[in-house]
Every structure is written in structure tokens, then in C-alpha cells.
């Protein structure tokens, strides 16, 4: 593995750890601060007007993300086999 790749992996690990260090406590604070009650009330008060486009777009977005992850894994495994 080259020098640049090693440092890129280390930098990515540090950035991921830093983001998780900030996101996890913020999520815990939001969940314990009464925000969950507001969300539940908003969902109850929302009118039901059929499915609309939002669930369809959410499903398509989810499929695109999953497809991107699978594509990345396939490309990585193909590159390892060539060596």
C-alpha cells in the first residue's frame, strides 16, 4: 500500500470518529429534550391524503444508495482480483 493511501485511510478514520463524536451526543440530546414528543404530535396532526410522491421518492433514494454501495463493493472486489 502506498504512503498516500495509508495516510488517506488514517485521515478518513479520524474524520469519521470526529463526526460520530459530535453526532451521537447531539442525537441523544435531541431525543431526551422533548423533541420526540413534538415529532409524535406532528405526525398525529398530519392529514392523511394518500401516499403522494414522498414515499416513492424516499424508496427510490434508498435504492440508489444501496445500489451505489453494492457497485462500490463490486468494483473494489474486481480490482483486488486483478492483482
PDB file of N, CA and C in Angstrom:
ATOM      1  N   UNK A   1       0.843  -1.161   0.000  1.00  0.00           N
ATOM      2  CA  UNK A   1       0.000   0.000   0.000  1.00  0.00           C
ATOM      3  C   UNK A   1       0.897   1.237   0.000  1.00  0.00           C
ATOM      4  N   UNK A   2       0.552   2.204  -0.803  1.00  0.00           N
ATOM      5  CA  UNK A   2       1.413   3.381  -0.903  1.00  0.00           C
ATOM      6  C   UNK A   2       1.255   4.289   0.314  1.00  0.00           C
ATOM      7  N   UNK A   3       2.187   5.184   0.425  1.00  0.00           N
ATOM      8  CA  UNK A   3       2.209   6.118   1.546  1.00  0.00           C
ATOM      9  C   UNK A   3       0.952   6.981   1.580  1.00  0.00           C
ATOM     10  N   UNK A   4       0.534   7.485   0.410  1.00  0.00           N
ATOM     11  CA  UNK A   4      -0.638   8.360   0.343  1.00  0.00           C
ATOM     12  C   UNK A   4      -1.914   7.619   0.729  1.00  0.00           C
ATOM     13  N   UNK A   5      -2.030   6.367   0.327  1.00  0.00           N
ATOM     14  CA  UNK A   5      -3.229   5.596   0.650  1.00  0.00           C
ATOM     15  C   UNK A   5      -3.316   5.345   2.150  1.00  0.00           C
ATOM     16  N   UNK A   6      -2.177   5.060   2.774  1.00  0.00           N
ATOM     17  CA  UNK A   6      -2.178   4.848   4.219  1.00  0.00           C
ATOM     18  C   UNK A   6      -2.618   6.100   4.958  1.00  0.00           C
ATOM     19  N   UNK A   7      -2.108   7.245   4.542  1.00  0.00           N
ATOM     20  CA  UNK A   7      -2.472   8.481   5.210  1.00  0.00           C
ATOM     21  C   UNK A   7      -3.911   8.859   4.927  1.00  0.00           C
ATOM     22  N   UNK A   8      -4.406   8.563   3.730  1.00  0.00           N
ATOM     23  CA  UNK A   8      -5.803   8.839   3.404  1.00  0.00           C
ATOM     24  C   UNK A   8      -6.722   7.989   4.284  1.00  0.00           C
ATOM     25  N   UNK A   9      -6.356   6.730   4.498  1.00  0.00           N
ATOM     26  CA  UNK A   9      -7.160   5.851   5.360  1.00  0.00           C
ATOM     27  C   UNK A   9      -7.148   6.359   6.801  1.00  0.00           C
ATOM     28  N   UNK A  10      -6.010   6.796   7.267  1.00  0.00           N
ATOM     29  CA  UNK A  10      -5.922   7.320   8.629  1.00  0.00           C
ATOM     30  C   UNK A  10      -6.743   8.595   8.787  1.00  0.00           C
ATOM     31  N   UNK A  11      -6.646   9.489   7.807  1.00  0.00           N
ATOM     32  CA  UNK A  11      -7.392  10.735   7.854  1.00  0.00           C
ATOM     33  C   UNK A  11      -8.895  10.463   7.813  1.00  0.00           C
ATOM     34  N   UNK A  12      -9.316   9.525   7.001  1.00  0.00           N
ATOM     35  CA  UNK A  12     -10.734   9.165   6.927  1.00  0.00           C
ATOM     36  C   UNK A  12     -11.225   8.601   8.255  1.00  0.00           C
ATOM     37  N   UNK A  13     -10.407   7.775   8.897  1.00  0.00           N
ATOM     38  CA  UNK A  13     -10.790   7.216  10.195  1.00  0.00           C
ATOM     39  C   UNK A  13     -10.920   8.317  11.247  1.00  0.00           C
ATOM     40  N   UNK A  14     -10.004   9.271  11.236  1.00  0.00           N
ATOM     41  CA  UNK A  14     -10.062  10.369  12.201  1.00  0.00           C
ATOM     42  C   UNK A  14     -11.298  11.236  11.954  1.00  0.00           C
ATOM     43  N   UNK A  15     -11.588  11.547  10.702  1.00  0.00           N
ATOM     44  CA  UNK A  15     -12.758  12.369  10.393  1.00  0.00           C
ATOM     45  C   UNK A  15     -14.059  11.647  10.748  1.00  0.00           C
ATOM     46  N   UNK A  16     -14.116  10.347  10.480  1.00  0.00           N
ATOM     47  CA  UNK A  16     -15.310   9.572  10.833  1.00  0.00           C
ATOM     48  C   UNK A  16     -15.505   9.554  12.343  1.00  0.00           C
ATOM     49  N   UNK A  17     -14.440   9.342  13.076  1.00  0.00           N
ATOM     50  CA  UNK A  17     -14.529   9.364  14.534  1.00  0.00           C
ATOM     51  C   UNK A  17     -14.958  10.719  15.061  1.00  0.00           C
ATOM     52  N   UNK A  18     -14.446  11.774  14.459  1.00  0.00           N
ATOM     53  CA  UNK A  18     -14.834  13.118  14.881  1.00  0.00           C
ATOM     54  C   UNK A  18     -16.303  13.413  14.617  1.00  0.00           C
ATOM     55  N   UNK A  19     -16.784  13.008  13.453  1.00  0.00           N
ATOM     56  CA  UNK A  19     -18.193  13.226  13.129  1.00  0.00           C
ATOM     57  C   UNK A  19     -19.082  12.438  14.080  1.00  0.00           C
ATOM     58  N   UNK A  20     -18.727  11.184  14.346  1.00  0.00           N
ATOM     59  CA  UNK A  20     -19.533  10.378  15.264  1.00  0.00           C
ATOM     60  C   UNK A  20     -19.481  10.931  16.681  1.00  0.00           C
ATOM     61  N   UNK A  21     -18.350  11.512  17.046  1.00  0.00           N
ATOM     62  CA  UNK A  21     -18.236  12.113  18.374  1.00  0.00           C
ATOM     63  C   UNK A  21     -19.203  13.283  18.526  1.00  0.00           C
ATOM     64  N   UNK A  22     -19.474  13.987  17.456  1.00  0.00           N
ATOM     65  CA  UNK A  22     -20.402  15.111  17.515  1.00  0.00           C
ATOM     66  C   UNK A  22     -21.851  14.689  17.297  1.00  0.00           C
ATOM     67  N   UNK A  23     -22.089  13.729  16.412  1.00  0.00           N
ATOM     68  CA  UNK A  23     -23.455  13.377  16.030  1.00  0.00           C
ATOM     69  C   UNK A  23     -24.160  12.564  17.108  1.00  0.00           C
ATOM     70  N   UNK A  24     -23.488  11.603  17.710  1.00  0.00           N
ATOM     71  CA  UNK A  24     -24.143  10.729  18.691  1.00  0.00           C
ATOM     72  C   UNK A  24     -24.621  11.513  19.912  1.00  0.00           C
ATOM     73  N   UNK A  25     -23.817  12.373  20.534  1.00  0.00           N
ATOM     74  CA  UNK A  25     -24.352  13.154  21.660  1.00  0.00           C
ATOM     75  C   UNK A  25     -25.466  14.121  21.242  1.00  0.00           C
ATOM     76  N   UNK A  26     -25.363  14.691  20.044  1.00  0.00           N
ATOM     77  CA  UNK A  26     -26.415  15.600  19.588  1.00  0.00           C
ATOM     78  C   UNK A  26     -27.728  14.845  19.409  1.00  0.00           C
ATOM     79  N   UNK A  27     -27.651  13.638  18.902  1.00  0.00           N
ATOM     80  CA  UNK A  27     -28.860  12.824  18.736  1.00  0.00           C
ATOM     81  C   UNK A  27     -29.448  12.463  20.106  1.00  0.00           C
ATOM     82  N   UNK A  28     -28.612  12.109  21.047  1.00  0.00           N
ATOM     83  CA  UNK A  28     -29.091  11.764  22.383  1.00  0.00           C
ATOM     84  C   UNK A  28     -29.727  12.979  23.055  1.00  0.00           C
ATOM     85  N   UNK A  29     -29.139  14.147  22.862  1.00  0.00           N
ATOM     86  CA  UNK A  29     -29.703  15.365  23.440  1.00  0.00           C
ATOM     87  C   UNK A  29     -31.061  15.676  22.821  1.00  0.00           C
ATOM     88  N   UNK A  30     -31.170  15.533  21.501  1.00  0.00           N
ATOM     89  CA  UNK A  30     -32.429  15.825  20.822  1.00  0.00           C
ATOM     90  C   UNK A  30     -33.519  14.850  21.256  1.00  0.00           C
ATOM     91  N   UNK A  31     -33.164  13.602  21.483  1.00  0.00           N
ATOM     92  CA  UNK A  31     -34.155  12.601  21.862  1.00  0.00           C
ATOM     93  C   UNK A  31     -34.621  12.808  23.300  1.00  0.00           C
ATOM     94  N   UNK A  32     -33.771  13.341  24.164  1.00  0.00           N
ATOM     95  CA  UNK A  32     -34.147  13.487  25.566  1.00  0.00           C
ATOM     96  C   UNK A  32     -34.647  14.884  25.906  1.00  0.00           C
ATOM     97  N   UNK A  33     -34.762  15.752  24.928  1.00  0.00           N
ATOM     98  CA  UNK A  33     -35.099  17.146  25.190  1.00  0.00           C
ATOM     99  C   UNK A  33     -36.563  17.468  24.885  1.00  0.00           C
ATOM    100  N   UNK A  34     -37.395  16.465  24.729  1.00  0.00           N
ATOM    101  CA  UNK A  34     -38.790  16.706  24.411  1.00  0.00           C
ATOM    102  C   UNK A  34     -39.068  16.831  22.932  1.00  0.00           C
ATOM    103  N   UNK A  35     -38.035  16.755  22.117  1.00  0.00           N
ATOM    104  CA  UNK A  35     -38.226  16.863  20.672  1.00  0.00           C
ATOM    105  C   UNK A  35     -38.997  15.665  20.135  1.00  0.00           C
ATOM    106  N   UNK A  36     -38.858  14.531  20.797  1.00  0.00           N
ATOM    107  CA  UNK A  36     -39.580  13.353  20.332  1.00  0.00           C
ATOM    108  C   UNK A  36     -41.084  13.533  20.501  1.00  0.00           C
ATOM    109  N   UNK A  37     -41.510  14.203  21.551  1.00  0.00           N
ATOM    110  CA  UNK A  37     -42.930  14.474  21.744  1.00  0.00           C
ATOM    111  C   UNK A  37     -43.494  15.390  20.670  1.00  0.00           C
ATOM    112  N   UNK A  38     -42.702  16.372  20.257  1.00  0.00           N
ATOM    113  CA  UNK A  38     -43.135  17.262  19.190  1.00  0.00           C
ATOM    114  C   UNK A  38     -43.292  16.526  17.876  1.00  0.00           C
ATOM    115  N   UNK A  39     -42.375  15.615  17.604  1.00  0.00           N
ATOM    116  CA  UNK A  39     -42.446  14.850  16.364  1.00  0.00           C
ATOM    117  C   UNK A  39     -43.677  13.959  16.364  1.00  0.00           C
ATOM    118  N   UNK A  40     -43.963  13.321  17.486  1.00  0.00           N
ATOM    119  CA  UNK A  40     -45.132  12.439  17.574  1.00  0.00           C
ATOM    120  C   UNK A  40     -46.414  13.242  17.383  1.00  0.00           C
ATOM    121  N   UNK A  41     -46.495  14.419  17.990  1.00  0.00           N
ATOM    122  CA  UNK A  41     -47.673  15.260  17.817  1.00  0.00           C
ATOM    123  C   UNK A  41     -47.824  15.731  16.379  1.00  0.00           C
ATOM    124  N   UNK A  42     -46.710  16.048  15.729  1.00  0.00           N
ATOM    125  CA  UNK A  42     -46.772  16.488  14.338  1.00  0.00           C
ATOM    126  C   UNK A  42     -47.260  15.370  13.429  1.00  0.00           C
ATOM    127  N   UNK A  43     -46.830  14.149  13.720  1.00  0.00           N
ATOM    128  CA  UNK A  43     -47.268  13.014  12.906  1.00  0.00           C
ATOM    129  C   UNK A  43     -48.755  12.761  13.116  1.00  0.00           C
ATOM    130  N   UNK A  44     -49.232  12.868  14.358  1.00  0.00           N
ATOM    131  CA  UNK A  44     -50.644  12.643  14.637  1.00  0.00           C
ATOM    132  C   UNK A  44     -51.522  13.714  13.992  1.00  0.00           C
ATOM    133  N   UNK A  45     -51.041  14.941  13.956  1.00  0.00           N
ATOM    134  CA  UNK A  45     -51.831  16.046  13.436  1.00  0.00           C
ATOM    135  C   UNK A  45     -51.820  16.104  11.911  1.00  0.00           C
ATOM    136  N   UNK A  46     -50.932  15.401  11.289  1.00  0.00           N
ATOM    137  CA  UNK A  46     -50.811  15.462   9.830  1.00  0.00           C
ATOM    138  C   UNK A  46     -52.030  14.809   9.182  1.00  0.00           C
ATOM    139  N   UNK A  47     -52.522  15.433   8.146  1.00  0.00           N
ATOM    140  CA  UNK A  47     -53.652  14.861   7.443  1.00  0.00           C
ATOM    141  C   UNK A  47     -53.183  13.746   6.528  1.00  0.00           C
ATOM    142  N   UNK A  48     -53.970  12.730   6.422  1.00  0.00           N
ATOM    143  CA  UNK A  48     -53.672  11.617   5.528  1.00  0.00           C
ATOM    144  C   UNK A  48     -54.337  11.898   4.181  1.00  0.00           C
ATOM    145  N   UNK A  49     -53.534  12.147   3.186  1.00  0.00           N
ATOM    146  CA  UNK A  49     -54.091  12.420   1.863  1.00  0.00           C
ATOM    147  C   UNK A  49     -53.532  11.422   0.854  1.00  0.00           C
ATOM    148  N   UNK A  50     -53.516  10.179   1.190  1.00  0.00           N
ATOM    149  CA  UNK A  50     -52.985   9.183   0.275  1.00  0.00           C
ATOM    150  C   UNK A  50     -51.481   9.071   0.421  1.00  0.00           C
ATOM    151  N   UNK A  51     -50.892   8.342  -0.471  1.00  0.00           N
ATOM    152  CA  UNK A  51     -49.448   8.108  -0.392  1.00  0.00           C
ATOM    153  C   UNK A  51     -48.654   9.291  -0.912  1.00  0.00           C
ATOM    154  N   UNK A  52     -49.092   9.927  -1.960  1.00  0.00           N
ATOM    155  CA  UNK A  52     -48.346  11.048  -2.512  1.00  0.00           C
ATOM    156  C   UNK A  52     -47.042  10.579  -3.143  1.00  0.00           C
ATOM    157  N   UNK A  53     -46.142  11.521  -3.399  1.00  0.00           N
ATOM    158  CA  UNK A  53     -44.870  11.192  -4.041  1.00  0.00           C
ATOM    159  C   UNK A  53     -43.739  10.988  -3.050  1.00  0.00           C
ATOM    160  N   UNK A  54     -43.905  11.432  -1.813  1.00  0.00           N
ATOM    161  CA  UNK A  54     -42.812  11.377  -0.850  1.00  0.00           C
ATOM    162  C   UNK A  54     -42.337   9.958  -0.551  1.00  0.00           C
ATOM    163  N   UNK A  55     -43.215   8.992  -0.288  1.00  0.00           N
ATOM    164  CA  UNK A  55     -42.715   7.626  -0.040  1.00  0.00           C
ATOM    165  C   UNK A  55     -42.037   7.025  -1.268  1.00  0.00           C
ATOM    166  N   UNK A  56     -42.531   7.372  -2.452  1.00  0.00           N
ATOM    167  CA  UNK A  56     -41.918   6.842  -3.673  1.00  0.00           C
ATOM    168  C   UNK A  56     -40.513   7.404  -3.834  1.00  0.00           C
ATOM    169  N   UNK A  57     -40.367   8.707  -3.618  1.00  0.00           N
ATOM    170  CA  UNK A  57     -39.045   9.323  -3.737  1.00  0.00           C
ATOM    171  C   UNK A  57     -38.091   8.794  -2.665  1.00  0.00           C
ATOM    172  N   UNK A  58     -38.621   8.567  -1.458  1.00  0.00           N
ATOM    173  CA  UNK A  58     -37.790   8.000  -0.401  1.00  0.00           C
ATOM    174  C   UNK A  58     -37.322   6.601  -0.751  1.00  0.00           C
ATOM    175  N   UNK A  59     -38.205   5.806  -1.329  1.00  0.00           N
ATOM    176  CA  UNK A  59     -37.829   4.451  -1.744  1.00  0.00           C
ATOM    177  C   UNK A  59     -36.801   4.463  -2.856  1.00  0.00           C
ATOM    178  N   UNK A  60     -36.970   5.365  -3.819  1.00  0.00           N
ATOM    179  CA  UNK A  60     -36.001   5.471  -4.917  1.00  0.00           C
ATOM    180  C   UNK A  60     -34.652   5.920  -4.386  1.00  0.00           C
ATOM    181  N   UNK A  61     -34.647   6.864  -3.471  1.00  0.00           N
ATOM    182  CA  UNK A  61     -33.391   7.334  -2.892  1.00  0.00           C
ATOM    183  C   UNK A  61     -32.692   6.194  -2.149  1.00  0.00           C
ATOM    184  N   UNK A  62     -33.460   5.413  -1.412  1.00  0.00           N
ATOM    185  CA  UNK A  62     -32.889   4.284  -0.683  1.00  0.00           C
ATOM    186  C   UNK A  62     -32.286   3.270  -1.650  1.00  0.00           C
ATOM    187  N   UNK A  63     -32.989   2.982  -2.727  1.00  0.00           N
ATOM    188  CA  UNK A  63     -32.478   2.035  -3.722  1.00  0.00           C
ATOM    189  C   UNK A  63     -31.209   2.553  -4.393  1.00  0.00           C
ATOM    190  N   UNK A  64     -31.146   3.854  -4.642  1.00  0.00           N
ATOM    191  CA  UNK A  64     -29.943   4.439  -5.259  1.00  0.00           C
ATOM    192  C   UNK A  64     -28.754   4.316  -4.316  1.00  0.00           C
ATOM    193  N   UNK A  65     -28.965   4.576  -3.046  1.00  0.00           N
ATOM    194  CA  UNK A  65     -27.868   4.470  -2.078  1.00  0.00           C
ATOM    195  C   UNK A  65     -27.394   3.025  -1.953  1.00  0.00           C
ATOM    196  N   UNK A  66     -28.332   2.090  -1.828  1.00  0.00           N
ATOM    197  CA  UNK A  66     -27.964   0.677  -1.726  1.00  0.00           C
ATOM    198  C   UNK A  66     -27.255   0.216  -2.993  1.00  0.00           C
ATOM    199  N   UNK A  67     -27.751   0.640  -4.150  1.00  0.00           N
ATOM    200  CA  UNK A  67     -27.095   0.288  -5.416  1.00  0.00           C
ATOM    201  C   UNK A  67     -25.687   0.857  -5.507  1.00  0.00           C
ATOM    202  N   UNK A  68     -25.493   2.081  -5.019  1.00  0.00           N
ATOM    203  CA  UNK A  68     -24.161   2.678  -5.024  1.00  0.00           C
ATOM    204  C   UNK A  68     -23.192   1.920  -4.134  1.00  0.00           C
ATOM    205  N   UNK A  69     -23.672   1.464  -2.979  1.00  0.00           N
ATOM    206  CA  UNK A  69     -22.818   0.695  -2.077  1.00  0.00           C
ATOM    207  C   UNK A  69     -22.453  -0.638  -2.712  1.00  0.00           C
ATOM    208  N   UNK A  70     -23.426  -1.298  -3.322  1.00  0.00           N
ATOM    209  CA  UNK A  70     -23.148  -2.578  -3.979  1.00  0.00           C
ATOM    210  C   UNK A  70     -22.179  -2.384  -5.135  1.00  0.00           C
ATOM    211  N   UNK A  71     -22.369  -1.332  -5.927  1.00  0.00           N
ATOM    212  CA  UNK A  71     -21.463  -1.052  -7.039  1.00  0.00           C
ATOM    213  C   UNK A  71     -20.041  -0.802  -6.537  1.00  0.00           C
ATOM    214  N   UNK A  72     -19.900  -0.056  -5.455  1.00  0.00           N
ATOM    215  CA  UNK A  72     -18.574   0.198  -4.893  1.00  0.00           C
ATOM    216  C   UNK A  72     -17.921  -1.096  -4.431  1.00  0.00           C
ATOM    217  N   UNK A  73     -18.680  -1.966  -3.787  1.00  0.00           N
ATOM    218  CA  UNK A  73     -18.125  -3.244  -3.331  1.00  0.00           C
ATOM    219  C   UNK A  73     -17.698  -4.121  -4.499  1.00  0.00           C
ATOM    220  N   UNK A  74     -18.497  -4.145  -5.558  1.00  0.00           N
ATOM    221  CA  UNK A  74     -18.151  -4.943  -6.736  1.00  0.00           C
ATOM    222  C   UNK A  74     -16.877  -4.407  -7.387  1.00  0.00           C
ATOM    223  N   UNK A  75     -16.785  -3.089  -7.528  1.00  0.00           N
ATOM    224  CA  UNK A  75     -15.588  -2.513  -8.155  1.00  0.00           C
ATOM    225  C   UNK A  75     -14.344  -2.754  -7.307  1.00  0.00           C
ATOM    226  N   UNK A  76     -14.481  -2.661  -5.998  1.00  0.00           N
ATOM    227  CA  UNK A  76     -13.333  -2.923  -5.125  1.00  0.00           C
ATOM    228  C   UNK A  76     -12.914  -4.375  -5.219  1.00  0.00           C
ATOM    229  N   UNK A  77     -13.868  -5.296  -5.227  1.00  0.00           N
ATOM    230  CA  UNK A  77     -13.501  -6.722  -5.295  1.00  0.00           C
ATOM    231  C   UNK A  77     -12.912  -7.072  -6.651  1.00  0.00           C
ATOM    232  N   UNK A  78     -13.355  -6.441  -7.724  1.00  0.00           N
ATOM    233  CA  UNK A  78     -12.774  -6.705  -9.054  1.00  0.00           C
ATOM    234  C   UNK A  78     -11.329  -6.224  -9.117  1.00  0.00           C
ATOM    235  N   UNK A  79     -11.041  -5.081  -8.498  1.00  0.00           N
ATOM    236  CA  UNK A  79      -9.684  -4.558  -8.512  1.00  0.00           C
ATOM    237  C   UNK A  79      -8.741  -5.441  -7.693  1.00  0.00           C
ATOM    238  N   UNK A  80      -9.223  -6.085  -6.672  1.00  0.00           N
ATOM    239  CA  UNK A  80      -8.368  -6.967  -5.856  1.00  0.00           C
ATOM    240  C   UNK A  80      -8.040  -8.245  -6.595  1.00  0.00           C
ATOM    241  N   UNK A  81      -8.945  -8.721  -7.437  1.00  0.00           N
ATOM    242  CA  UNK A  81      -8.719  -9.970  -8.158  1.00  0.00           C
ATOM    243  C   UNK A  81      -7.683  -9.800  -9.267  1.00  0.00           C
ATOM    244  N   UNK A  82      -7.540  -8.608  -9.799  1.00  0.00           N
ATOM    245  CA  UNK A  82      -6.611  -8.376 -10.909  1.00  0.00           C
ATOM    246  C   UNK A  82      -5.164  -8.415 -10.465  1.00  0.00           C
ATOM    247  N   UNK A  83      -4.889  -8.169  -9.212  1.00  0.00           N
ATOM    248  CA  UNK A  83      -3.501  -8.104  -8.742  1.00  0.00           C
ATOM    249  C   UNK A  83      -2.877  -9.445  -8.602  1.00  0.00           C
TER     250      UNK A  83
END
